Amino acid sequence: MTPITVADAEAVSWDREADVVVIGFGGAGASAALQAREEGAEVILIDRFGGGGTTTYSGGVIYAGATRFQREAGLEDSVENMHAYLKMEVGDAVRPETLRRFCEGSAGDVEWLVAHGVGYASDTYLEKITYPPEGKYLYYSGNEKSPSFAAQAKPVPRGHRAVGPGFGGAHYIAALRKAAIREGIALMLHTRVTRLVADATGRVLGVEAVALPADKHAEHQAHYAGVSPYVPHNHAKTERAAKAMAALEAKHGRTLLIRARGGVILSTGGFAYSRDLVGESDPVLGRHYDVSHRLSTMGNDGSGVAMGLSVGGATGHMDSVYIARNIAPPEALLEGILVNRDGERFVAEDAYVSLIGGVLARQPEGKAWLIVPARAFRTSIREALTCGWQRFKYFGVPMLINYALGGTRRGSSVEALARKAGIDPAALISTITAHDADLAAGRPDKVGKTEELRTALGKGPFYAINMAMENRHALTKFMTLGGLTVDEDSGAVTRQDGSAVPGLYAAGMSAVGLHSNGYISGLSLADGVFSGRRAARHAAAASGPKPANRPLETAGGI
């Protein structure tokens, strides 16, 4: 991708202009647009599709501490306690002062969202769960209760789920969409940004985009909506939809030049839909790409990264990938142990899903089995069938399909099970014997499983559930976590030498951020608000004084 280079901004016949142009209308893009508008800037928010992005399909969880919702639930939290925990999760993904600034402002970010119409509540779920049941909106969304983390920071639920039935992402983005319209932000939907426009010095002046006429929006959106990130094994369908949308754009689209007086903010998401970038970044995942499940929408094609690179921007943490392996729900499966092909345990079974998935991917050949007593296996089937429609659809059904089609094995004894699963019998016997002996003697769990979830496995019978990456029915869910490097004070895209690309900013999953060393639920949306607002403040300021009587441009389309 090569940018359009011009002598200066005045030498271009622009079709539209604004102080700030935001590319990508997901959680980060909406946050950037709203904050820029609050700064008095005229804003255009562009999305290739109908807006909402992956955020619409997400759990709608934001990670925050010392909030009024925690206090209403009778939970004590503090910035210091939150910071102590996140230091372990975030690591060196951002500077220490950036992490502290995020922790200090997270409660304020929640209140900012509430002011824009997003609902939160203090109804709390305190058990270990991937996503809380209906009516519960505050929960442990990471590894807070795991012994190694709890030893360093007091466990407190910080996952704030947007109020509403089902997954909260749709409610979250619906509120921000209403706020954007109410605040007079110009929405350009079904408009694909193709290139950046820059001057001879490298300053980004605006973008080139291809906009569909309004009478083609519904057809375009139908292709997009037909590829849901909730539905696995949709690679072929995605490719057909992508070709159909590209053909519509080529035939009916009108090319426009859009000026950004203060700056362009890239918030286009990650690159899960780029087979090439995924393969370069994580060869193991690349080899299993066709049996993977992309937890992203089609806009996450790496286009934002490509645009940043085209004007000299650098990337970071491109090899950092969220790879999820769900064990619970059903909760009964937490009685089991996860072993590799050598019969060795390698991770706590109650760890956050991406910690399990990331470590599993590094096991020999990416193979693993969840060994559960027959009683727990039977209980898990009952739990899957009676857990309520929402949890049944997204957790129960996939697990039951894996039981039936994924190569589940049963053995009356450890030795018999090991032979059927291709695990060294002596090693598996040793692992189970040691597990039960440690429990009986009151010794800590070898891999750090939470004490109250430890259960003796006994002598059998057992089931082995196939959790290998190559097993398409185990659903290797993933999303990418790396992106463009940014100045952590302004959100400006930076070059390899650390200097900023003038006029260009990045936010959310397009940029290196809080999430880039590893993901826990709520950290992506939280980073989107944090980084989106940061970039917007600086891009708006760079556009200069804002005339009080400047008319707002609110019309969408072309």
Protein backbone atom coordinates (compact mmCIF):
# COMPACT_ATOMS: atom_id res chain seq x y z
CA MET A 1 0.00 0.00 0.00
CA THR A 2 1.41 3.37 -1.06
CA PRO A 3 0.03 6.69 0.21
CA ILE A 4 -1.01 9.54 -2.05
CA THR A 5 1.67 12.19 -1.80
CA VAL A 6 0.81 15.84 -2.49
CA ALA A 7 2.66 19.13 -2.19
CA ASP A 8 0.44 20.46 0.59
CA ALA A 9 -3.14 20.36 1.82
CA GLU A 10 -4.17 23.43 -0.17
CA ALA A 11 -3.13 21.79 -3.44
CA VAL A 12 -5.86 19.12 -3.09
CA SER A 13 -9.48 19.40 -4.11
CA TRP A 14 -11.02 17.77 -1.03
CA ASP A 15 -14.50 16.28 -1.21
CA ARG A 16 -15.05 16.60 2.54
CA GLU A 17 -13.17 18.04 5.50
CA ALA A 18 -13.17 17.75 9.27
CA ASP A 19 -10.84 18.46 12.18
CA VAL A 20 -10.54 14.77 13.02
CA VAL A 21 -11.21 11.76 10.79
CA VAL A 22 -11.63 8.42 12.58
CA ILE A 23 -11.34 5.20 10.58
CA GLY A 24 -13.20 2.28 12.09
CA PHE A 25 -16.44 2.52 14.06
CA GLY A 26 -15.98 -0.01 16.85
CA GLY A 27 -15.52 0.67 20.54
CA ALA A 28 -12.21 2.51 20.15
CA GLY A 29 -13.35 4.52 17.12
CA ALA A 30 -16.60 5.56 18.79
CA SER A 31 -14.69 6.62 21.91
CA ALA A 32 -12.24 8.63 19.83
CA ALA A 33 -14.99 10.34 17.85
CA LEU A 34 -17.01 11.26 20.94
CA GLN A 35 -13.97 12.60 22.81
CA ALA A 36 -12.86 14.66 19.81
CA ARG A 37 -16.36 16.10 19.58
CA GLU A 38 -16.20 17.01 23.27
CA GLU A 39 -12.98 18.89 22.51
CA GLY A 40 -14.96 21.02 20.08
CA ALA A 41 -13.68 19.30 16.94
CA GLU A 42 -15.68 18.59 13.82
CA VAL A 43 -15.51 14.82 13.36
CA ILE A 44 -16.08 12.33 10.55
CA LEU A 45 -16.34 8.68 11.63
CA ILE A 46 -15.85 6.22 8.76
CA ASP A 47 -16.60 2.50 8.65
CA ARG A 48 -16.39 0.09 5.75
CA PHE A 49 -19.56 -1.64 6.94
CA GLY A 50 -22.54 -0.53 9.02
CA GLY A 51 -20.54 0.33 12.13
CA GLY A 52 -20.08 -1.49 15.41
CA GLY A 53 -17.27 -3.81 14.41
CA THR A 54 -16.17 -6.64 16.66
CA THR A 55 -17.37 -4.69 19.69
CA THR A 56 -20.98 -5.43 18.69
CA TYR A 57 -20.36 -9.16 19.03
CA SER A 58 -18.26 -8.93 22.19
CA GLY A 59 -19.29 -9.53 25.76
CA GLY A 60 -19.45 -5.77 26.25
CA VAL A 61 -17.13 -6.00 29.26
CA ILE A 62 -14.87 -3.16 30.38
CA TYR A 63 -12.12 -3.75 32.94
CA ALA A 64 -12.11 -1.10 35.64
CA GLY A 65 -11.31 -0.70 39.33
CA ALA A 66 -12.42 1.41 42.29
CA THR A 67 -15.77 2.03 40.58
CA ARG A 68 -19.05 2.99 42.20
CA PHE A 69 -20.57 -0.27 40.99
CA GLN A 70 -18.00 -2.22 43.00
CA ARG A 71 -18.75 -0.06 46.04
CA GLU A 72 -22.49 -0.60 45.60
CA ALA A 73 -21.81 -4.35 45.61
CA GLY A 74 -19.87 -4.01 48.88
CA LEU A 75 -16.52 -4.73 47.21
CA GLU A 76 -13.39 -2.89 48.27
CA ASP A 77 -10.94 -2.04 45.49
CA SER A 78 -8.31 0.61 44.94
CA VAL A 79 -6.13 1.97 42.19
CA GLU A 80 -3.10 0.47 43.94
CA ASN A 81 -4.67 -2.99 44.15
CA MET A 82 -5.78 -2.88 40.52
CA HIS A 83 -2.32 -1.71 39.48
CA ALA A 84 -0.63 -4.51 41.43
CA TYR A 85 -2.73 -7.08 39.58
CA LEU A 86 -2.45 -5.59 36.10
CA LYS A 87 1.34 -5.30 36.37
CA MET A 88 1.34 -9.10 36.19
CA GLU A 89 -1.05 -9.26 33.24
CA VAL A 90 0.14 -6.28 31.18
CA GLY A 91 3.88 -6.57 31.83
CA ASP A 92 5.95 -4.41 29.53
CA ALA A 93 3.26 -3.93 26.88
CA VAL A 94 3.10 -0.28 27.97
CA ARG A 95 5.29 1.94 30.14
CA PRO A 96 4.72 1.73 33.93
CA GLU A 97 3.46 5.30 34.00
CA THR A 98 0.95 4.52 31.23
CA LEU A 99 -0.45 1.57 33.15
CA ARG A 100 -0.77 3.69 36.27
CA ARG A 101 -2.51 6.44 34.31
CA PHE A 102 -4.98 3.88 32.99
CA CYS A 103 -5.67 2.49 36.48
CA GLU A 104 -6.15 5.97 37.89
CA GLY A 105 -8.62 6.85 35.16
CA SER A 106 -10.54 3.59 34.68
CA ALA A 107 -13.40 4.48 37.04
CA GLY A 108 -13.68 7.83 35.27
CA ASP A 109 -13.82 6.06 31.90
CA VAL A 110 -16.76 3.99 33.16
CA GLU A 111 -18.57 7.15 34.27
CA TRP A 112 -17.81 8.72 30.88
CA LEU A 113 -19.46 5.73 29.20
CA VAL A 114 -22.45 5.97 31.55
CA ALA A 115 -22.80 9.63 30.58
CA HIS A 116 -23.00 8.49 26.95
CA GLY A 117 -25.75 6.00 27.70
CA VAL A 118 -23.98 2.71 28.47
CA GLY A 119 -25.60 0.93 31.42
CA TYR A 120 -23.74 -0.88 34.20
CA ALA A 121 -24.93 -2.49 37.43
CA SER A 122 -23.58 -3.93 40.69
CA ASP A 123 -25.20 -7.39 40.50
CA THR A 124 -22.18 -9.60 41.09
CA TYR A 125 -21.21 -13.17 40.20
CA LEU A 126 -18.34 -14.45 42.38
CA GLU A 127 -17.69 -17.94 41.01
CA LYS A 128 -15.13 -18.81 38.35
CA ILE A 129 -16.78 -18.30 34.95
CA THR A 130 -15.87 -17.33 31.39
CA TYR A 131 -18.92 -15.06 31.13
CA PRO A 132 -21.50 -14.32 33.83
CA PRO A 133 -25.07 -15.63 33.69
CA GLU A 134 -28.05 -13.40 32.90
CA GLY A 135 -28.70 -10.69 35.45
CA LYS A 136 -25.07 -10.57 36.64
CA TYR A 137 -22.99 -7.61 35.49
CA LEU A 138 -19.84 -7.61 37.64
CA TYR A 139 -17.50 -10.60 37.79
CA TYR A 140 -13.93 -11.91 37.89
CA SER A 141 -13.00 -11.54 34.23
CA GLY A 142 -9.33 -12.50 34.46
CA ASN A 143 -6.96 -14.50 36.64
CA GLU A 144 -7.60 -12.52 39.83
CA LYS A 145 -8.48 -15.59 41.93
CA SER A 146 -5.65 -17.80 40.70
CA PRO A 147 -3.24 -18.42 43.59
CA SER A 148 -0.15 -16.92 41.94
CA PHE A 149 -2.04 -13.69 41.19
CA ALA A 150 -3.97 -13.60 44.46
CA ALA A 151 -0.67 -13.74 46.34
CA GLN A 152 0.28 -10.37 44.86
CA ALA A 153 -3.07 -8.53 44.70
CA LYS A 154 -6.35 -8.95 46.55
CA PRO A 155 -8.85 -10.59 44.16
CA VAL A 156 -11.68 -8.23 43.26
CA PRO A 157 -14.21 -8.54 40.39
CA ARG A 158 -13.43 -5.83 37.83
CA GLY A 159 -15.23 -7.09 34.73
CA HIS A 160 -18.10 -4.62 34.20
CA ARG A 161 -20.59 -6.05 31.69
CA ALA A 162 -22.92 -3.66 29.87
CA VAL A 163 -26.49 -4.12 31.08
CA GLY A 164 -28.88 -5.96 28.78
CA PRO A 165 -29.87 -9.50 27.79
CA GLY A 166 -27.33 -11.69 26.06
CA PHE A 167 -23.82 -10.50 25.27
CA GLY A 168 -23.35 -6.87 26.26
CA GLY A 169 -21.45 -5.70 23.19
CA ALA A 170 -24.56 -4.92 21.16
CA HIS A 171 -25.96 -2.79 24.00
CA TYR A 172 -22.60 -1.06 24.45
CA ILE A 173 -22.19 -0.07 20.82
CA ALA A 174 -25.88 0.86 20.43
CA ALA A 175 -25.49 3.43 23.21
CA LEU A 176 -22.34 4.90 21.64
CA ARG A 177 -24.00 5.03 18.21
CA LYS A 178 -26.88 7.05 19.64
CA ALA A 179 -24.42 9.33 21.39
CA ALA A 180 -22.44 9.88 18.18
CA ILE A 181 -25.58 10.88 16.29
CA ARG A 182 -26.77 13.07 19.13
CA GLU A 183 -23.41 14.87 19.33
CA GLY A 184 -23.38 15.70 15.63
CA ILE A 185 -20.62 13.36 14.48
CA ALA A 186 -20.74 12.76 10.71
CA LEU A 187 -21.04 9.03 10.01
CA MET A 188 -19.75 7.74 6.68
CA LEU A 189 -20.80 4.10 6.61
CA HIS A 190 -20.18 1.55 3.86
CA THR A 191 -17.10 3.57 2.98
CA ARG A 192 -13.75 1.82 2.59
CA VAL A 193 -10.62 3.83 3.27
CA THR A 194 -8.06 2.76 0.69
CA ARG A 195 -5.04 5.01 1.29
CA LEU A 196 -3.69 7.81 3.39
CA VAL A 197 -2.91 11.21 1.88
CA ALA A 198 0.37 12.78 3.01
CA ASP A 199 2.55 15.73 2.03
CA ALA A 200 6.20 15.63 1.01
CA THR A 201 7.36 15.90 4.65
CA GLY A 202 5.40 12.81 5.63
CA ARG A 203 2.58 14.58 7.45
CA VAL A 204 -0.74 12.80 7.07
CA LEU A 205 -3.35 15.19 5.68
CA GLY A 206 -6.34 12.91 5.14
CA VAL A 207 -7.55 9.78 3.43
CA GLU A 208 -8.73 8.40 0.12
CA ALA A 209 -11.97 6.43 0.44
CA VAL A 210 -14.46 4.59 -1.73
CA ALA A 211 -18.04 5.32 -0.63
CA LEU A 212 -21.09 3.35 -1.69
CA PRO A 213 -24.31 5.19 -2.50
CA ALA A 214 -27.10 4.82 0.04
CA ASP A 215 -29.16 2.51 -2.17
CA LYS A 216 -26.37 -0.11 -2.03
CA HIS A 217 -25.87 -0.06 1.75
CA ALA A 218 -28.41 -2.78 2.53
CA GLU A 219 -26.94 -5.21 -0.01
CA HIS A 220 -23.42 -4.51 1.21
CA GLN A 221 -24.44 -4.96 4.85
CA ALA A 222 -26.23 -8.23 4.09
CA HIS A 223 -22.96 -9.78 2.89
CA TYR A 224 -21.19 -8.56 6.03
CA ALA A 225 -23.91 -9.69 8.43
CA GLY A 226 -23.92 -13.14 6.88
CA VAL A 227 -20.50 -13.84 8.37
CA SER A 228 -20.93 -13.86 12.15
CA PRO A 229 -17.94 -14.31 14.47
CA TYR A 230 -20.24 -16.41 16.65
CA VAL A 231 -20.36 -19.09 13.94
CA PRO A 232 -17.27 -21.31 13.61
CA HIS A 233 -15.77 -22.77 10.46
CA ASN A 234 -16.88 -19.89 8.25
CA HIS A 235 -13.70 -19.33 6.23
CA ALA A 236 -15.21 -20.26 2.85
CA LYS A 237 -18.31 -18.17 3.50
CA THR A 238 -16.10 -15.24 4.49
CA GLU A 239 -14.15 -15.41 1.26
CA ARG A 240 -17.35 -15.40 -0.81
CA ALA A 241 -18.73 -12.42 1.14
CA ALA A 242 -15.46 -10.51 0.81
CA LYS A 243 -15.45 -10.96 -2.97
CA ALA A 244 -19.08 -9.88 -3.26
CA MET A 245 -18.49 -6.73 -1.21
CA ALA A 246 -15.35 -5.85 -3.12
CA ALA A 247 -17.26 -6.22 -6.38
CA LEU A 248 -20.01 -3.90 -5.12
CA GLU A 249 -17.44 -1.31 -4.09
CA ALA A 250 -15.62 -1.54 -7.41
CA LYS A 251 -18.79 -1.18 -9.46
CA HIS A 252 -20.75 1.39 -7.49
CA GLY A 253 -18.28 3.13 -5.21
CA ARG A 254 -17.28 6.75 -5.60
CA THR A 255 -13.69 7.72 -4.75
CA LEU A 256 -13.42 10.64 -2.32
CA LEU A 257 -10.61 12.62 -0.75
CA ILE A 258 -11.31 13.55 2.86
CA ARG A 259 -9.18 16.05 4.71
CA ALA A 260 -8.31 15.79 8.41
CA ARG A 261 -7.14 19.19 9.64
CA GLY A 262 -5.92 17.85 12.98
CA GLY A 263 -5.31 14.19 12.35
CA VAL A 264 -6.46 10.76 11.21
CA ILE A 265 -7.13 8.14 13.91
CA LEU A 266 -6.81 4.49 12.88
CA SER A 267 -9.14 2.23 14.86
CA THR A 268 -9.70 -0.59 12.39
CA GLY A 269 -9.08 -3.50 14.75
CA GLY A 270 -6.54 -6.30 14.41
CA PHE A 271 -5.56 -8.64 11.58
CA ALA A 272 -7.25 -11.98 12.30
CA TYR A 273 -8.71 -11.97 8.78
CA SER A 274 -5.30 -11.72 7.16
CA ARG A 275 -4.04 -15.27 6.68
CA ASP A 276 -0.62 -13.99 5.64
CA LEU A 277 -0.11 -11.70 8.64
CA VAL A 278 -1.31 -14.39 11.06
CA GLY A 279 1.05 -16.94 9.54
CA GLU A 280 3.99 -14.53 9.74
CA SER A 281 3.18 -13.58 13.32
CA ASP A 282 2.41 -17.05 14.73
CA PRO A 283 3.50 -19.98 12.54
CA VAL A 284 1.77 -22.54 14.78
CA LEU A 285 -1.56 -20.76 14.51
CA GLY A 286 -0.91 -20.19 10.82
CA ARG A 287 -0.66 -23.96 10.27
CA HIS A 288 -4.02 -24.42 11.97
CA TYR A 289 -5.65 -21.35 10.45
CA ASP A 290 -8.32 -23.24 8.54
CA VAL A 291 -9.62 -25.03 11.66
CA SER A 292 -9.45 -21.91 13.82
CA HIS A 293 -12.30 -19.66 14.91
CA ARG A 294 -11.63 -15.93 14.44
CA LEU A 295 -13.10 -13.89 17.29
CA SER A 296 -13.30 -10.85 15.05
CA THR A 297 -15.39 -9.34 12.32
CA MET A 298 -14.27 -8.91 8.71
CA GLY A 299 -12.90 -5.42 9.26
CA ASN A 300 -10.02 -6.94 11.21
CA ASP A 301 -8.03 -7.49 8.03
CA GLY A 302 -4.84 -5.61 8.92
CA SER A 303 -5.71 -2.59 6.78
CA GLY A 304 -5.00 -0.15 9.58
CA VAL A 305 -1.57 -1.65 10.14
CA ALA A 306 -0.89 -1.49 6.40
CA MET A 307 -1.85 2.18 6.27
CA GLY A 308 0.40 2.99 9.20
CA LEU A 309 3.32 1.13 7.65
CA SER A 310 2.78 2.96 4.36
CA VAL A 311 3.81 6.28 5.93
CA GLY A 312 6.73 4.96 7.95
CA GLY A 313 4.99 3.67 11.08
CA ALA A 314 6.37 0.70 12.99
CA THR A 315 4.67 -2.32 14.54
CA GLY A 316 5.09 -4.15 17.82
CA HIS A 317 3.93 -7.35 19.52
CA MET A 318 2.77 -8.77 16.20
CA ASP A 319 3.50 -12.28 17.52
CA SER A 320 1.17 -11.76 20.47
CA VAL A 321 -2.06 -13.61 19.82
CA TYR A 322 -5.05 -14.40 22.02
CA ILE A 323 -5.67 -18.13 21.66
CA ALA A 324 -8.61 -19.28 23.77
CA ARG A 325 -9.36 -22.75 24.99
CA ASN A 326 -12.60 -22.89 26.95
CA ILE A 327 -12.94 -25.48 29.69
CA ALA A 328 -15.83 -24.08 31.72
CA PRO A 329 -18.74 -23.77 31.41
CA PRO A 330 -19.73 -26.57 31.95
CA GLU A 331 -18.26 -26.03 35.43
CA ALA A 332 -18.00 -29.76 36.22
CA LEU A 333 -15.09 -30.00 33.77
CA LEU A 334 -12.96 -27.99 36.21
CA GLU A 335 -12.67 -31.22 38.20
CA GLY A 336 -10.42 -32.55 35.45
CA ILE A 337 -6.78 -32.06 34.60
CA LEU A 338 -5.28 -30.94 31.30
CA VAL A 339 -2.33 -32.97 30.04
CA ASN A 340 -0.18 -32.95 26.92
CA ARG A 341 0.63 -35.99 24.80
CA ASP A 342 3.39 -36.90 27.32
CA GLY A 343 0.85 -37.10 30.12
CA GLU A 344 2.12 -33.97 31.87
CA ARG A 345 0.02 -31.14 33.27
CA PHE A 346 1.11 -27.73 31.96
CA VAL A 347 -1.38 -25.10 33.11
CA ALA A 348 -4.00 -24.55 35.79
CA GLU A 349 -7.34 -25.72 34.45
CA ASP A 350 -9.16 -22.73 35.95
CA ALA A 351 -6.82 -20.16 34.42
CA TYR A 352 -8.19 -17.54 32.06
CA VAL A 353 -9.05 -19.03 28.66
CA SER A 354 -6.26 -17.25 26.78
CA LEU A 355 -3.64 -18.36 29.30
CA ILE A 356 -4.75 -21.95 28.76
CA GLY A 357 -4.87 -21.56 24.99
CA GLY A 358 -1.53 -19.80 24.73
CA VAL A 359 0.32 -22.44 26.74
CA LEU A 360 -1.52 -25.27 24.98
CA ALA A 361 -0.38 -23.96 21.59
CA ARG A 362 3.24 -24.39 22.73
CA GLN A 363 2.82 -28.03 23.73
CA PRO A 364 4.27 -30.73 21.43
CA GLU A 365 2.22 -30.65 18.20
CA GLY A 366 -0.32 -28.44 20.00
CA LYS A 367 -1.97 -31.56 21.44
CA ALA A 368 -3.73 -31.89 24.79
CA TRP A 369 -6.43 -33.89 26.54
CA LEU A 370 -8.75 -32.92 29.38
CA ILE A 371 -8.94 -35.94 31.68
CA VAL A 372 -12.15 -36.02 33.74
CA PRO A 373 -13.73 -38.67 35.98
CA ALA A 374 -16.84 -40.25 34.48
CA ARG A 375 -19.05 -38.67 37.15
CA ALA A 376 -17.84 -35.17 36.20
CA PHE A 377 -18.29 -35.92 32.51
CA ARG A 378 -21.91 -36.95 33.07
CA THR A 379 -22.53 -33.88 35.24
CA SER A 380 -21.06 -31.63 32.54
CA ILE A 381 -23.62 -32.92 30.01
CA ARG A 382 -26.44 -32.11 32.40
CA GLU A 383 -24.97 -28.66 33.07
CA ALA A 384 -24.60 -27.98 29.36
CA LEU A 385 -28.24 -28.85 28.73
CA THR A 386 -29.68 -26.87 31.65
CA CYS A 387 -27.52 -23.74 31.79
CA GLY A 388 -29.98 -21.39 30.05
CA TRP A 389 -30.34 -20.59 26.36
CA GLN A 390 -27.56 -18.02 26.07
CA ARG A 391 -24.89 -20.12 27.77
CA PHE A 392 -26.16 -23.29 26.09
CA LYS A 393 -25.80 -21.73 22.64
CA TYR A 394 -22.30 -20.31 23.10
CA PHE A 395 -20.74 -22.75 25.55
CA GLY A 396 -22.89 -25.85 25.94
CA VAL A 397 -23.43 -26.62 22.25
CA PRO A 398 -19.72 -26.32 21.25
CA MET A 399 -18.67 -28.57 24.12
CA LEU A 400 -21.31 -31.20 23.34
CA ILE A 401 -20.31 -31.16 19.67
CA ASN A 402 -16.70 -31.73 20.68
CA TYR A 403 -17.76 -34.64 22.90
CA ALA A 404 -19.57 -36.25 19.97
CA LEU A 405 -17.28 -35.45 17.04
CA GLY A 406 -13.93 -34.40 18.45
CA GLY A 407 -12.55 -37.81 19.33
CA THR A 408 -13.53 -38.21 22.99
CA ARG A 409 -12.09 -41.36 24.57
CA ARG A 410 -13.34 -43.46 27.52
CA GLY A 411 -11.34 -45.83 29.65
CA SER A 412 -12.24 -47.94 32.66
CA SER A 413 -8.78 -47.25 34.10
CA VAL A 414 -6.00 -44.72 33.68
CA GLU A 415 -3.94 -47.21 31.69
CA ALA A 416 -6.81 -48.08 29.35
CA LEU A 417 -7.60 -44.41 28.78
CA ALA A 418 -3.96 -43.57 28.07
CA ARG A 419 -3.70 -46.25 25.39
CA LYS A 420 -6.85 -45.02 23.65
CA ALA A 421 -5.71 -41.38 23.73
CA GLY A 422 -2.14 -42.07 22.62
CA ILE A 423 -0.65 -40.89 25.93
CA ASP A 424 2.22 -42.69 27.66
CA PRO A 425 0.41 -44.86 30.25
CA ALA A 426 3.12 -44.75 32.89
CA ALA A 427 3.35 -40.95 32.67
CA LEU A 428 -0.40 -40.44 32.97
CA ILE A 429 -0.63 -42.85 35.92
CA SER A 430 2.18 -40.93 37.61
CA THR A 431 0.49 -37.58 36.97
CA ILE A 432 -2.90 -38.64 38.34
CA THR A 433 -1.36 -40.43 41.33
CA ALA A 434 0.70 -37.35 42.21
CA HIS A 435 -2.32 -35.08 41.75
CA ASP A 436 -4.44 -37.10 44.20
CA ALA A 437 -1.58 -37.59 46.67
CA ASP A 438 -0.85 -33.85 46.80
CA LEU A 439 -4.52 -33.14 47.43
CA ALA A 440 -4.76 -35.75 50.21
CA ALA A 441 -1.60 -34.44 51.88
CA GLY A 442 -2.71 -30.81 51.74
CA ARG A 443 0.10 -29.81 49.42
CA PRO A 444 -0.43 -26.95 46.91
CA ASP A 445 -1.46 -27.87 43.39
CA LYS A 446 1.48 -28.44 41.07
CA VAL A 447 0.28 -25.97 38.40
CA GLY A 448 -1.53 -23.51 40.67
CA LYS A 449 -5.18 -24.53 40.41
CA THR A 450 -7.51 -22.72 42.82
CA GLU A 451 -7.84 -24.76 46.02
CA GLU A 452 -11.63 -25.00 46.14
CA LEU A 453 -11.73 -26.45 42.61
CA ARG A 454 -9.37 -29.34 43.31
CA THR A 455 -11.03 -32.77 43.35
CA ALA A 456 -9.54 -36.24 43.63
CA LEU A 457 -9.63 -38.06 40.29
CA GLY A 458 -9.66 -41.58 41.68
CA LYS A 459 -9.11 -44.83 39.80
CA GLY A 460 -11.66 -44.50 36.97
CA PRO A 461 -13.51 -44.78 34.78
CA PHE A 462 -12.34 -41.64 32.95
CA TYR A 463 -13.05 -39.65 29.83
CA ALA A 464 -10.42 -37.83 27.75
CA ILE A 465 -11.74 -34.80 25.87
CA ASN A 466 -9.66 -33.82 22.85
CA MET A 467 -8.40 -30.23 23.24
CA ALA A 468 -5.78 -30.28 20.46
CA MET A 469 -5.35 -27.29 18.17
CA GLU A 470 -5.81 -29.53 15.14
CA ASN A 471 -9.26 -30.60 16.40
CA ARG A 472 -11.72 -28.35 14.55
CA HIS A 473 -14.46 -29.22 17.03
CA ALA A 474 -12.45 -27.96 20.02
CA LEU A 475 -12.72 -24.44 18.53
CA THR A 476 -9.35 -22.74 18.66
CA LYS A 477 -10.66 -19.21 19.12
CA PHE A 478 -8.21 -16.42 18.45
CA MET A 479 -7.68 -12.74 17.86
CA THR A 480 -4.54 -10.69 17.32
CA LEU A 481 -3.08 -8.36 19.94
CA GLY A 482 -0.23 -6.52 18.20
CA GLY A 483 -0.35 -3.45 16.01
CA LEU A 484 1.16 -0.07 15.30
CA THR A 485 3.50 1.40 17.89
CA VAL A 486 2.29 4.67 19.37
CA ASP A 487 3.53 7.48 21.55
CA GLU A 488 1.95 6.60 24.88
CA ASP A 489 1.34 10.22 25.80
CA SER A 490 -0.48 11.22 22.62
CA GLY A 491 -1.45 8.06 20.71
CA ALA A 492 0.50 9.24 17.65
CA VAL A 493 1.81 6.45 15.44
CA THR A 494 5.58 6.18 15.81
CA ARG A 495 8.38 5.18 13.48
CA GLN A 496 11.12 2.66 14.18
CA ASP A 497 13.26 5.40 15.74
CA GLY A 498 10.44 6.44 18.07
CA SER A 499 9.59 9.68 16.29
CA ALA A 500 5.93 10.41 15.60
CA VAL A 501 4.29 10.33 12.18
CA PRO A 502 2.67 13.80 12.08
CA GLY A 503 -1.09 13.76 11.71
CA LEU A 504 -1.57 10.02 12.32
CA TYR A 505 -2.85 8.30 15.46
CA ALA A 506 -3.93 4.77 16.33
CA ALA A 507 -6.20 3.35 19.02
CA GLY A 508 -7.71 0.08 20.16
CA MET A 509 -6.61 -3.21 18.59
CA SER A 510 -4.91 -1.38 15.70
CA ALA A 511 -2.24 -0.23 18.14
CA VAL A 512 0.08 -1.67 20.73
CA GLY A 513 -1.67 -1.20 24.06
CA LEU A 514 -2.63 -2.64 27.41
CA HIS A 515 -3.84 -5.86 25.78
CA SER A 516 -0.72 -6.58 23.72
CA ASN A 517 1.12 -8.96 26.07
CA GLY A 518 -1.94 -11.04 26.84
CA TYR A 519 -5.68 -10.65 27.03
CA ILE A 520 -8.22 -10.84 29.82
CA SER A 521 -11.90 -10.07 29.33
CA GLY A 522 -12.63 -6.37 29.44
CA LEU A 523 -9.11 -5.18 28.74
CA SER A 524 -9.73 -4.61 25.02
CA LEU A 525 -12.79 -2.39 25.50
CA ALA A 526 -11.07 -0.59 28.37
CA ASP A 527 -8.01 0.05 26.24
CA GLY A 528 -10.24 1.20 23.38
CA VAL A 529 -11.77 3.88 25.59
CA PHE A 530 -8.43 4.85 27.12
CA SER A 531 -6.45 4.98 23.87
CA GLY A 532 -9.31 6.35 21.78
CA ARG A 533 -9.88 9.30 24.11
CA ARG A 534 -6.12 9.91 24.31
CA ALA A 535 -5.66 10.07 20.55
CA ALA A 536 -8.75 12.24 20.15
CA ARG A 537 -7.57 14.90 22.60
CA HIS A 538 -4.31 15.33 20.74
CA ALA A 539 -5.74 15.14 17.22
CA ALA A 540 -8.41 17.71 18.13
CA ALA A 541 -5.84 20.04 19.65
CA ALA A 542 -3.66 19.76 16.53
CA SER A 543 -6.50 21.10 14.38
CA GLY A 544 -6.19 24.52 15.99
CA PRO A 545 -8.88 26.86 17.36
CA LYS A 546 -12.49 25.76 16.85
CA PRO A 547 -14.83 28.52 15.64
CA ALA A 548 -17.89 28.56 17.86
CA ASN A 549 -20.22 29.06 14.91
CA ARG A 550 -18.81 26.32 12.66
CA PRO A 551 -21.77 24.29 11.28
CA LEU A 552 -21.74 20.58 12.01
CA GLU A 553 -21.66 18.14 9.11
CA THR A 554 -23.88 15.25 10.10
CA ALA A 555 -24.98 13.60 6.87
CA GLY A 556 -23.72 10.10 6.19
CA GLY A 557 -22.96 8.40 2.89
CA ILE A 558 -22.11 10.41 -0.21
